[in-house]
Each structure stands twice: as C-alpha cells, then as structure tokens.
Amino acid sequence: MTTKIKVGLVGATGRMGKEVVTLLQAHDSAALSFAWTHADSRHLAQDSGILANGKENKILVSASTEAWSQADVIIDFGLTDGLEERFKDYRAAGRPVVLCVTGLSALQQQQMTELARHIPLLYAANTSVGINLLSALTEKAARVLGRTADIEILEAHHTRKLDAPSGTALLLGEAAARGRGQRLADVAEMNRNAPEHRYEQGSIGFATLRGGDIVGEHTVYLMVGGERLELTHRVAKRSTFAEGAVRAACWLAEQKTAGFYTMKDALGLDA
C-alpha cells in the first residue's frame, strides 16, 4: 500500500480550508496531517472534519506550530494577517509550502521571495487548473496581438471578497503584460471611472464586480481592429480550488530543491 502524502493545512477554519479538509478525507494519495488556525479562533480544539462537513477525522484544530515539521507539505489558505510570522515558522519547519494567500503587500511579496531561497515554495493566487490554462492562453494571445490591442480584465466575486482587483485578475494582467513585453506596474489602469482619466494605448484595465455568492468569474477582453477575443473562466464550486491546491501540494512534496514555483510548474504548462 502506497504511503499517503501528509498535508498540513493552515487556515483550516475558513471556507477554503474546510474544502481542503473535506477533499483530504477521501483522497487517494494525500491525507490531512494537521489543521491550524490563529490563536483567537473560537474553533480551537474542535474536530476539523466535523467543523468542515460533520464527519469526524480526529484531527483537532490547533494554533500550535509543533506539528508543522512533521508534514510532507503545507497548504496555506490563511489570511494576510499574521503572514510575516508564519513565514518565520515555515522557515523553521523547513517543509515545502503551497501559499494560496491573496492580497499580499509589497513587503510580504519580498518576504515570500526570500523564504523561497530556503524551502520549496509554490505561490498560487488561484489554484484552479482552468484559470492557470487561461493565464497561459492570455499570455499567448497578448503576444500574438501585440501592443496595439486593447486589453481589459473583468472579475466578479461574492461580497465577502476582501481584495480588489482579485489576485487572479492581477495574475491574468501579469500574463497579458508578459506576453507583450511589458511590466504590469507600468501599464495597469485601476480606475477608468476617474473624471480625469484619459485612455492610453497599451494600458491594461481592470474592472471589479462584487455581488451575491459568486465563487469567481474572470474575463480577459482583447480587442484590435474589428475583432474582439474574450477568454472567460467561471467557477461553480469552491472544491475546484481545493482540488488544484492538493494537486499542487502533491507535486511540491516531491521537489527537493528550494525555490519559487507556480501552478504552471505543477501543471507542466511550460513543458
């Protein structure tokens, strides 16, 4: 019998954490190693399986980091709050980490890059297989159409989504900019509604919708001449992200070299 990969989970009491707990209860090649949350959580010492879906798994929610070094790989679906401290704990544990936290500050991005010099770290603003395929398609389309094309990115999420534009929208913007040899920071346009705004060719615009319980929708518009190309991805259930995160974790657990990885690496999209 093949030994299952031991997956530790940070952010176990959030919506995505619960999806990962549920998925790992019946996974063929991976199993939950620990379920972590912050020290002020009202869910401490509760059974993580019961909390996620009513099915006991005998792994209690904890705020201790003692078990982190016993996992083969760690998935982090936690919040940005406390992330700097978690980075220190990840380095101390010395385990591979799949980081799925969005809305990172410039300092946190810098710290993440530094951490990747010491452990295998895979950063995924979106763990969906489909959205990562969309990113690859966006980069290719932008490269073919060039800087004369107008590129706009529209994203829609539920009302509890904290960051805007979403990390996934920015991921797609980075892909579009990379495709035509730009830096997104130089060409991103976040507020076309501003009265003083004037359109600049080569810019990449972002628009945000928040409403209801939308799990996640992203459309990249590429317009040139009399043609318009629309690349769209929609997610109907959050388990999609859990499946992608566990798939990435199983891949990262096999990587023995410290470094910064992405979903493109885990999915072999550059092969």
Protein backbone atom coordinates (compact mmCIF):
# COMPACT_ATOMS: atom_id res chain seq x y z
CA MET A 1 0.00 0.00 0.00
CA THR A 2 1.39 3.40 -1.03
CA THR A 3 2.02 5.79 1.85
CA LYS A 4 -0.12 8.91 1.54
CA ILE A 5 1.45 12.35 1.42
CA LYS A 6 0.97 14.12 4.75
CA VAL A 7 -0.59 17.53 4.03
CA GLY A 8 -0.64 20.16 6.76
CA LEU A 9 -3.30 22.86 6.48
CA VAL A 10 -3.08 26.47 7.61
CA GLY A 11 -6.36 28.38 7.61
CA ALA A 12 -8.32 25.22 8.37
CA THR A 13 -11.43 27.02 9.67
CA GLY A 14 -12.01 29.25 6.63
CA ARG A 15 -14.18 28.41 3.65
CA MET A 16 -11.31 27.13 1.55
CA GLY A 17 -9.71 25.34 4.49
CA LYS A 18 -12.90 23.38 5.04
CA GLU A 19 -12.95 22.41 1.36
CA VAL A 20 -9.41 21.05 1.66
CA VAL A 21 -10.28 19.11 4.83
CA THR A 22 -13.26 17.55 3.05
CA LEU A 23 -11.24 16.63 -0.02
CA LEU A 24 -8.46 15.01 2.01
CA GLN A 25 -10.90 12.79 3.89
CA ALA A 26 -11.27 10.60 0.80
CA HIS A 27 -8.16 11.39 -1.25
CA ASP A 28 -6.27 8.52 -2.88
CA SER A 29 -2.74 9.80 -2.32
CA ALA A 30 -2.85 12.53 0.35
CA ALA A 31 -4.12 12.81 3.92
CA LEU A 32 -4.52 15.64 6.42
CA SER A 33 -1.58 15.94 8.82
CA PHE A 34 -2.64 18.93 10.93
CA ALA A 35 -5.30 21.66 10.94
CA TRP A 36 -4.04 25.08 12.06
CA THR A 37 -5.76 28.37 12.77
CA HIS A 38 -4.92 31.55 14.68
CA ALA A 39 -4.84 31.64 18.48
CA ASP A 40 -8.01 33.75 18.81
CA SER A 41 -10.23 31.37 16.85
CA ARG A 42 -13.42 30.13 18.51
CA HIS A 43 -12.87 26.77 16.75
CA LEU A 44 -9.73 25.73 18.64
CA ALA A 45 -9.78 22.09 19.82
CA GLN A 46 -12.73 21.24 17.57
CA ASP A 47 -12.56 18.24 15.24
CA SER A 48 -11.61 19.69 11.85
CA GLY A 49 -13.67 17.12 9.97
CA ILE A 50 -16.82 17.80 11.96
CA LEU A 51 -16.24 21.52 11.51
CA ALA A 52 -15.85 21.11 7.74
CA ASN A 53 -18.65 18.69 6.91
CA GLY A 54 -19.89 16.89 10.01
CA LYS A 55 -17.62 13.84 9.54
CA GLU A 56 -15.12 13.20 12.31
CA ASN A 57 -11.45 12.85 11.31
CA LYS A 58 -9.88 13.06 14.81
CA ILE A 59 -7.58 15.93 13.79
CA LEU A 60 -8.25 18.82 16.13
CA VAL A 61 -7.92 22.44 15.13
CA SER A 62 -4.83 23.90 16.82
CA ALA A 63 -2.86 27.14 16.99
CA SER A 64 0.40 25.32 17.74
CA THR A 65 3.14 25.05 15.12
CA GLU A 66 4.78 21.99 16.69
CA ALA A 67 3.33 19.58 14.11
CA TRP A 68 4.38 21.65 11.09
CA SER A 69 7.74 19.94 10.70
CA GLN A 70 6.03 16.53 10.58
CA ALA A 71 4.07 17.28 7.41
CA ASP A 72 5.40 16.44 3.94
CA VAL A 73 3.95 19.68 2.60
CA ILE A 74 1.84 22.56 3.92
CA ILE A 75 -1.07 24.36 2.22
CA ASP A 76 -1.77 27.92 3.45
CA PHE A 77 -5.26 29.29 2.81
CA GLY A 78 -4.98 31.71 5.73
CA LEU A 79 -5.35 35.47 5.78
CA THR A 80 -2.63 38.04 5.18
CA ASP A 81 -2.87 38.95 8.89
CA GLY A 82 0.00 37.23 10.64
CA LEU A 83 1.62 36.09 7.41
CA GLU A 84 5.01 37.58 8.29
CA GLU A 85 5.11 35.46 11.45
CA ARG A 86 4.02 32.37 9.52
CA PHE A 87 6.90 32.93 7.09
CA LYS A 88 9.30 32.63 10.03
CA ASP A 89 7.56 29.45 11.19
CA TYR A 90 7.72 27.96 7.68
CA ARG A 91 11.45 28.53 7.51
CA ALA A 92 11.87 26.94 10.94
CA ALA A 93 9.75 23.91 9.95
CA GLY A 94 11.68 23.50 6.70
CA ARG A 95 8.74 21.99 4.82
CA PRO A 96 7.51 22.79 1.27
CA VAL A 97 4.64 25.31 1.27
CA VAL A 98 1.82 25.94 -1.20
CA LEU A 99 0.87 29.55 -0.45
CA CYS A 100 -2.66 30.44 -1.58
CA VAL A 101 -2.99 33.78 0.23
CA THR A 102 -4.06 36.73 -1.94
CA GLY A 103 -3.74 40.47 -1.41
CA LEU A 104 -0.07 40.35 -0.37
CA SER A 105 1.63 43.65 0.39
CA ALA A 106 4.89 44.62 -1.30
CA LEU A 107 6.75 43.69 1.91
CA GLN A 108 5.03 40.30 2.10
CA GLN A 109 5.91 39.60 -1.54
CA GLN A 110 9.53 40.43 -0.76
CA GLN A 111 9.49 38.16 2.30
CA MET A 112 7.91 35.37 0.25
CA THR A 113 10.70 35.60 -2.31
CA GLU A 114 13.28 35.45 0.47
CA LEU A 115 11.59 32.39 2.01
CA ALA A 116 11.76 30.58 -1.35
CA ARG A 117 15.55 30.64 -1.07
CA HIS A 118 15.29 28.26 1.86
CA ILE A 119 12.34 25.96 1.08
CA PRO A 120 10.35 24.84 -1.96
CA LEU A 121 7.54 27.42 -2.14
CA LEU A 122 4.71 27.43 -4.66
CA TYR A 123 2.67 30.63 -4.81
CA ALA A 124 -0.80 30.35 -6.31
CA ALA A 125 -3.17 33.31 -6.35
CA ASN A 126 -5.61 30.83 -7.89
CA THR A 127 -5.21 27.05 -7.74
CA SER A 128 -7.82 26.24 -10.38
CA VAL A 129 -6.39 24.22 -13.26
CA GLY A 130 -8.66 26.10 -15.67
CA ILE A 131 -7.59 29.56 -14.55
CA ASN A 132 -3.94 28.64 -14.99
CA LEU A 133 -4.70 27.43 -18.51
CA LEU A 134 -6.47 30.77 -19.05
CA SER A 135 -3.33 32.57 -17.91
CA ALA A 136 -1.24 30.68 -20.46
CA LEU A 137 -3.76 31.44 -23.21
CA THR A 138 -3.86 35.12 -22.22
CA GLU A 139 -0.08 35.43 -22.45
CA LYS A 140 -0.05 33.79 -25.87
CA ALA A 141 -2.93 35.92 -27.20
CA ALA A 142 -1.31 39.14 -25.96
CA ARG A 143 1.96 38.17 -27.61
CA VAL A 144 0.25 37.50 -30.95
CA LEU A 145 -1.96 40.61 -30.92
CA GLY A 146 0.76 42.95 -29.64
CA ARG A 147 0.60 46.37 -28.03
CA THR A 148 -1.98 47.75 -30.44
CA ALA A 149 -4.62 45.52 -28.85
CA ASP A 150 -6.81 46.92 -26.08
CA ILE A 151 -6.79 44.58 -23.06
CA GLU A 152 -9.37 44.78 -20.28
CA ILE A 153 -9.89 42.33 -17.41
CA LEU A 154 -13.23 41.95 -15.63
CA GLU A 155 -13.56 39.93 -12.42
CA ALA A 156 -16.59 39.12 -10.27
CA HIS A 157 -16.73 37.62 -6.77
CA HIS A 158 -19.00 37.33 -3.73
CA THR A 159 -19.50 40.31 -1.44
CA ARG A 160 -17.12 38.97 1.24
CA LYS A 161 -14.12 39.09 -1.09
CA LEU A 162 -11.63 41.47 0.53
CA ASP A 163 -9.14 42.39 -2.19
CA ALA A 164 -9.98 44.14 -5.45
CA PRO A 165 -8.99 43.55 -8.12
CA SER A 166 -8.63 39.90 -7.22
CA GLY A 167 -5.27 38.19 -7.09
CA THR A 168 -6.39 36.13 -10.06
CA ALA A 169 -7.20 39.23 -12.11
CA LEU A 170 -3.71 40.53 -11.37
CA LEU A 171 -2.27 37.14 -12.34
CA LEU A 172 -4.04 37.45 -15.70
CA GLY A 173 -2.82 41.03 -16.05
CA GLU A 174 0.74 39.89 -15.43
CA ALA A 175 0.29 37.22 -18.11
CA ALA A 176 -1.01 39.77 -20.62
CA ALA A 177 1.79 42.22 -19.86
CA ARG A 178 4.41 39.49 -20.06
CA GLY A 179 3.04 38.38 -23.41
CA ARG A 180 3.77 41.74 -24.98
CA GLY A 181 6.94 42.56 -23.10
CA GLN A 182 5.55 44.98 -20.54
CA ARG A 183 5.65 45.38 -16.77
CA LEU A 184 2.14 45.35 -15.36
CA ALA A 185 3.06 48.01 -12.80
CA ASP A 186 3.83 50.37 -15.69
CA VAL A 187 0.61 49.83 -17.66
CA ALA A 188 -2.09 48.78 -15.17
CA GLU A 189 -5.15 51.05 -15.11
CA MET A 190 -7.28 50.52 -12.00
CA ASN A 191 -9.75 53.38 -12.30
CA ARG A 192 -11.17 54.14 -15.68
CA ASN A 193 -14.11 55.82 -13.93
CA ALA A 194 -12.00 58.74 -12.72
CA PRO A 195 -13.19 62.00 -14.31
CA GLU A 196 -9.65 62.97 -15.23
CA HIS A 197 -8.89 59.62 -16.82
CA ARG A 198 -7.58 59.56 -20.37
CA TYR A 199 -7.14 56.29 -22.21
CA GLU A 200 -3.57 55.34 -23.09
CA GLN A 201 -2.81 52.76 -25.76
CA GLY A 202 -1.02 49.75 -24.34
CA SER A 203 -2.63 50.03 -20.93
CA ILE A 204 -4.31 47.05 -19.25
CA GLY A 205 -7.54 47.92 -17.49
CA PHE A 206 -9.20 46.21 -14.52
CA ALA A 207 -12.86 46.24 -13.51
CA THR A 208 -14.41 44.65 -10.42
CA LEU A 209 -17.88 43.35 -9.58
CA ARG A 210 -18.99 42.24 -6.10
CA GLY A 211 -22.33 40.57 -5.58
CA GLY A 212 -24.19 37.66 -4.04
CA ASP A 213 -22.35 34.38 -3.74
CA ILE A 214 -20.33 34.44 -6.97
CA VAL A 215 -17.45 32.00 -6.44
CA GLY A 216 -15.25 33.51 -9.12
CA GLU A 217 -15.55 34.73 -12.71
CA HIS A 218 -12.82 36.26 -14.88
CA THR A 219 -12.90 37.51 -18.45
CA VAL A 220 -9.98 38.87 -20.45
CA TYR A 221 -11.03 41.08 -23.38
CA LEU A 222 -8.52 41.52 -26.20
CA MET A 223 -9.70 43.96 -28.89
CA VAL A 224 -7.88 45.01 -32.03
CA GLY A 225 -9.24 46.38 -35.28
CA GLY A 226 -12.66 44.90 -35.93
CA GLU A 227 -12.03 41.82 -33.79
CA ARG A 228 -12.70 41.05 -30.13
CA LEU A 229 -11.42 37.97 -28.35
CA GLU A 230 -12.99 37.10 -24.99
CA LEU A 231 -11.37 34.49 -22.76
CA THR A 232 -13.62 33.55 -19.84
CA HIS A 233 -13.37 31.24 -16.85
CA ARG A 234 -16.16 30.60 -14.33
CA VAL A 235 -16.06 28.54 -11.15
CA ALA A 236 -19.24 26.91 -9.86
CA LYS A 237 -17.90 25.39 -6.63
CA ARG A 238 -15.03 26.09 -4.23
CA SER A 239 -13.92 22.46 -4.23
CA THR A 240 -12.31 23.28 -7.60
CA PHE A 241 -9.69 25.35 -5.78
CA ALA A 242 -9.16 22.67 -3.13
CA GLU A 243 -8.53 20.07 -5.83
CA GLY A 244 -5.96 22.31 -7.50
CA ALA A 245 -4.25 23.12 -4.20
CA VAL A 246 -3.91 19.46 -3.23
CA ARG A 247 -2.68 18.60 -6.71
CA ALA A 248 -0.02 21.31 -6.37
CA ALA A 249 0.88 20.09 -2.88
CA CYS A 250 1.39 16.51 -4.06
CA TRP A 251 3.69 17.80 -6.79
CA LEU A 252 5.61 20.17 -4.50
CA ALA A 253 6.15 17.44 -1.90
CA GLU A 254 8.36 15.71 -4.46
CA GLN A 255 10.55 18.78 -5.09
CA LYS A 256 13.79 18.59 -3.15
CA THR A 257 15.25 21.92 -4.25
CA ALA A 258 14.39 25.22 -2.58
CA GLY A 259 12.94 27.73 -5.00
CA PHE A 260 9.94 29.73 -6.12
CA TYR A 261 7.38 27.69 -8.06
CA THR A 262 3.97 28.39 -9.59
CA MET A 263 0.96 26.40 -10.75
CA LYS A 264 2.49 26.45 -14.24
CA ASP A 265 5.33 24.34 -12.87
CA ALA A 266 3.00 21.94 -11.08
CA LEU A 267 0.81 21.52 -14.17
CA GLY A 268 3.69 21.31 -16.63
CA LEU A 269 2.36 24.24 -18.69
CA ASP A 270 5.87 25.28 -19.72
CA ALA A 271 6.79 21.79 -20.87
